[in-house]
Amino acid sequence: MDQTLFAGTGREIKKIAKSEPAEHGLPFSTWSPAKLADFLVAEGAFDDISHEGLRALLREEGV
């Protein structure tokens, strides 16, 4: 897991995590850790991250 990448994109990731998935054209109403991880990988924020890894990063960031 690349902490430097998260530090550089952390603000945007927090913004996405706090947003509604529909704002990003997605057909569900809330983020699950797995859906958010998949979305962030698809958007290029990470090459790969597990939903548990994302959960830990968000917890560290207070989200």
C-alpha atoms as a PDB file:
ATOM      1  CA  MET A   1       0.000   0.000   0.000  1.00  0.00           C
ATOM      2  CA  ASP A   2       1.493   3.339  -1.043  1.00  0.00           C
ATOM      3  CA  GLN A   3       1.031   5.836   1.801  1.00  0.00           C
ATOM      4  CA  THR A   4       2.610   8.591  -0.325  1.00  0.00           C
ATOM      5  CA  LEU A   5      -0.066   8.159  -2.970  1.00  0.00           C
ATOM      6  CA  PHE A   6      -2.768   8.379  -0.320  1.00  0.00           C
ATOM      7  CA  ALA A   7      -1.188  11.490   1.194  1.00  0.00           C
ATOM      8  CA  GLY A   8      -1.202  13.138  -2.222  1.00  0.00           C
ATOM      9  CA  THR A   9      -4.791  12.251  -3.019  1.00  0.00           C
ATOM     10  CA  GLY A  10      -6.225  11.956   0.489  1.00  0.00           C
ATOM     11  CA  ARG A  11      -8.312  15.119   0.280  1.00  0.00           C
ATOM     12  CA  GLU A  12      -9.980  13.946  -2.940  1.00  0.00           C
ATOM     13  CA  ILE A  13     -10.528  10.427  -1.569  1.00  0.00           C
ATOM     14  CA  LYS A  14     -12.172  11.838   1.556  1.00  0.00           C
ATOM     15  CA  LYS A  15     -14.361  14.054  -0.641  1.00  0.00           C
ATOM     16  CA  ILE A  16     -15.458  11.037  -2.688  1.00  0.00           C
ATOM     17  CA  ALA A  17     -16.035   8.898   0.416  1.00  0.00           C
ATOM     18  CA  LYS A  18     -18.329  11.577   1.846  1.00  0.00           C
ATOM     19  CA  SER A  19     -20.211  12.067  -1.433  1.00  0.00           C
ATOM     20  CA  GLU A  20     -23.247  10.253  -2.767  1.00  0.00           C
ATOM     21  CA  PRO A  21     -22.369   7.567  -5.343  1.00  0.00           C
ATOM     22  CA  ALA A  22     -25.066   8.992  -7.640  1.00  0.00           C
ATOM     23  CA  GLU A  23     -22.954  12.166  -7.929  1.00  0.00           C
ATOM     24  CA  HIS A  24     -20.483   9.986  -9.820  1.00  0.00           C
ATOM     25  CA  GLY A  25     -23.099   8.356 -12.039  1.00  0.00           C
ATOM     26  CA  LEU A  26     -23.328   5.179  -9.981  1.00  0.00           C
ATOM     27  CA  PRO A  27     -26.608   3.304  -9.449  1.00  0.00           C
ATOM     28  CA  PHE A  28     -26.439   2.804  -5.675  1.00  0.00           C
ATOM     29  CA  SER A  29     -27.201   5.113  -2.758  1.00  0.00           C
ATOM     30  CA  THR A  30     -24.329   4.485  -0.328  1.00  0.00           C
ATOM     31  CA  TRP A  31     -20.699   3.483  -0.507  1.00  0.00           C
ATOM     32  CA  SER A  32     -19.552   0.163   0.849  1.00  0.00           C
ATOM     33  CA  PRO A  33     -15.812  -0.165   1.404  1.00  0.00           C
ATOM     34  CA  ALA A  34     -15.628  -2.623  -1.504  1.00  0.00           C
ATOM     35  CA  LYS A  35     -17.564  -0.349  -3.896  1.00  0.00           C
ATOM     36  CA  LEU A  36     -15.491   2.670  -2.912  1.00  0.00           C
ATOM     37  CA  ALA A  37     -12.248   0.724  -3.352  1.00  0.00           C
ATOM     38  CA  ASP A  38     -13.362  -0.483  -6.796  1.00  0.00           C
ATOM     39  CA  PHE A  39     -14.343   3.059  -7.798  1.00  0.00           C
ATOM     40  CA  LEU A  40     -11.015   4.533  -6.634  1.00  0.00           C
ATOM     41  CA  VAL A  41      -9.056   1.903  -8.561  1.00  0.00           C
ATOM     42  CA  ALA A  42     -11.177   2.545 -11.671  1.00  0.00           C
ATOM     43  CA  GLU A  43     -10.553   6.298 -11.309  1.00  0.00           C
ATOM     44  CA  GLY A  44      -6.797   5.738 -10.992  1.00  0.00           C
ATOM     45  CA  ALA A  45      -6.335   6.806  -7.356  1.00  0.00           C
ATOM     46  CA  PHE A  46      -4.726   3.419  -6.652  1.00  0.00           C
ATOM     47  CA  ASP A  47      -3.352   0.631  -8.811  1.00  0.00           C
ATOM     48  CA  ASP A  48      -4.975  -1.783  -6.380  1.00  0.00           C
ATOM     49  CA  ILE A  49      -6.368  -1.564  -2.851  1.00  0.00           C
ATOM     50  CA  SER A  50      -8.459  -3.966  -0.844  1.00  0.00           C
ATOM     51  CA  HIS A  51     -11.622  -2.748   0.822  1.00  0.00           C
ATOM     52  CA  GLU A  52     -10.002  -3.543   4.176  1.00  0.00           C
ATOM     53  CA  GLY A  53      -6.942  -1.504   3.254  1.00  0.00           C
ATOM     54  CA  LEU A  54      -9.164   1.392   2.239  1.00  0.00           C
ATOM     55  CA  ARG A  55     -11.169   1.072   5.452  1.00  0.00           C
ATOM     56  CA  ALA A  56      -7.938   1.330   7.466  1.00  0.00           C
ATOM     57  CA  LEU A  57      -6.752   4.390   5.511  1.00  0.00           C
ATOM     58  CA  LEU A  58     -10.071   6.161   5.931  1.00  0.00           C
ATOM     59  CA  ARG A  59     -10.121   5.358   9.639  1.00  0.00           C
ATOM     60  CA  GLU A  60      -6.638   6.858   9.983  1.00  0.00           C
ATOM     61  CA  GLU A  61      -7.902   9.973   8.198  1.00  0.00           C
ATOM     62  CA  GLY A  62     -10.969  10.254  10.426  1.00  0.00           C
ATOM     63  CA  VAL A  63     -13.569   9.391   7.781  1.00  0.00           C
END
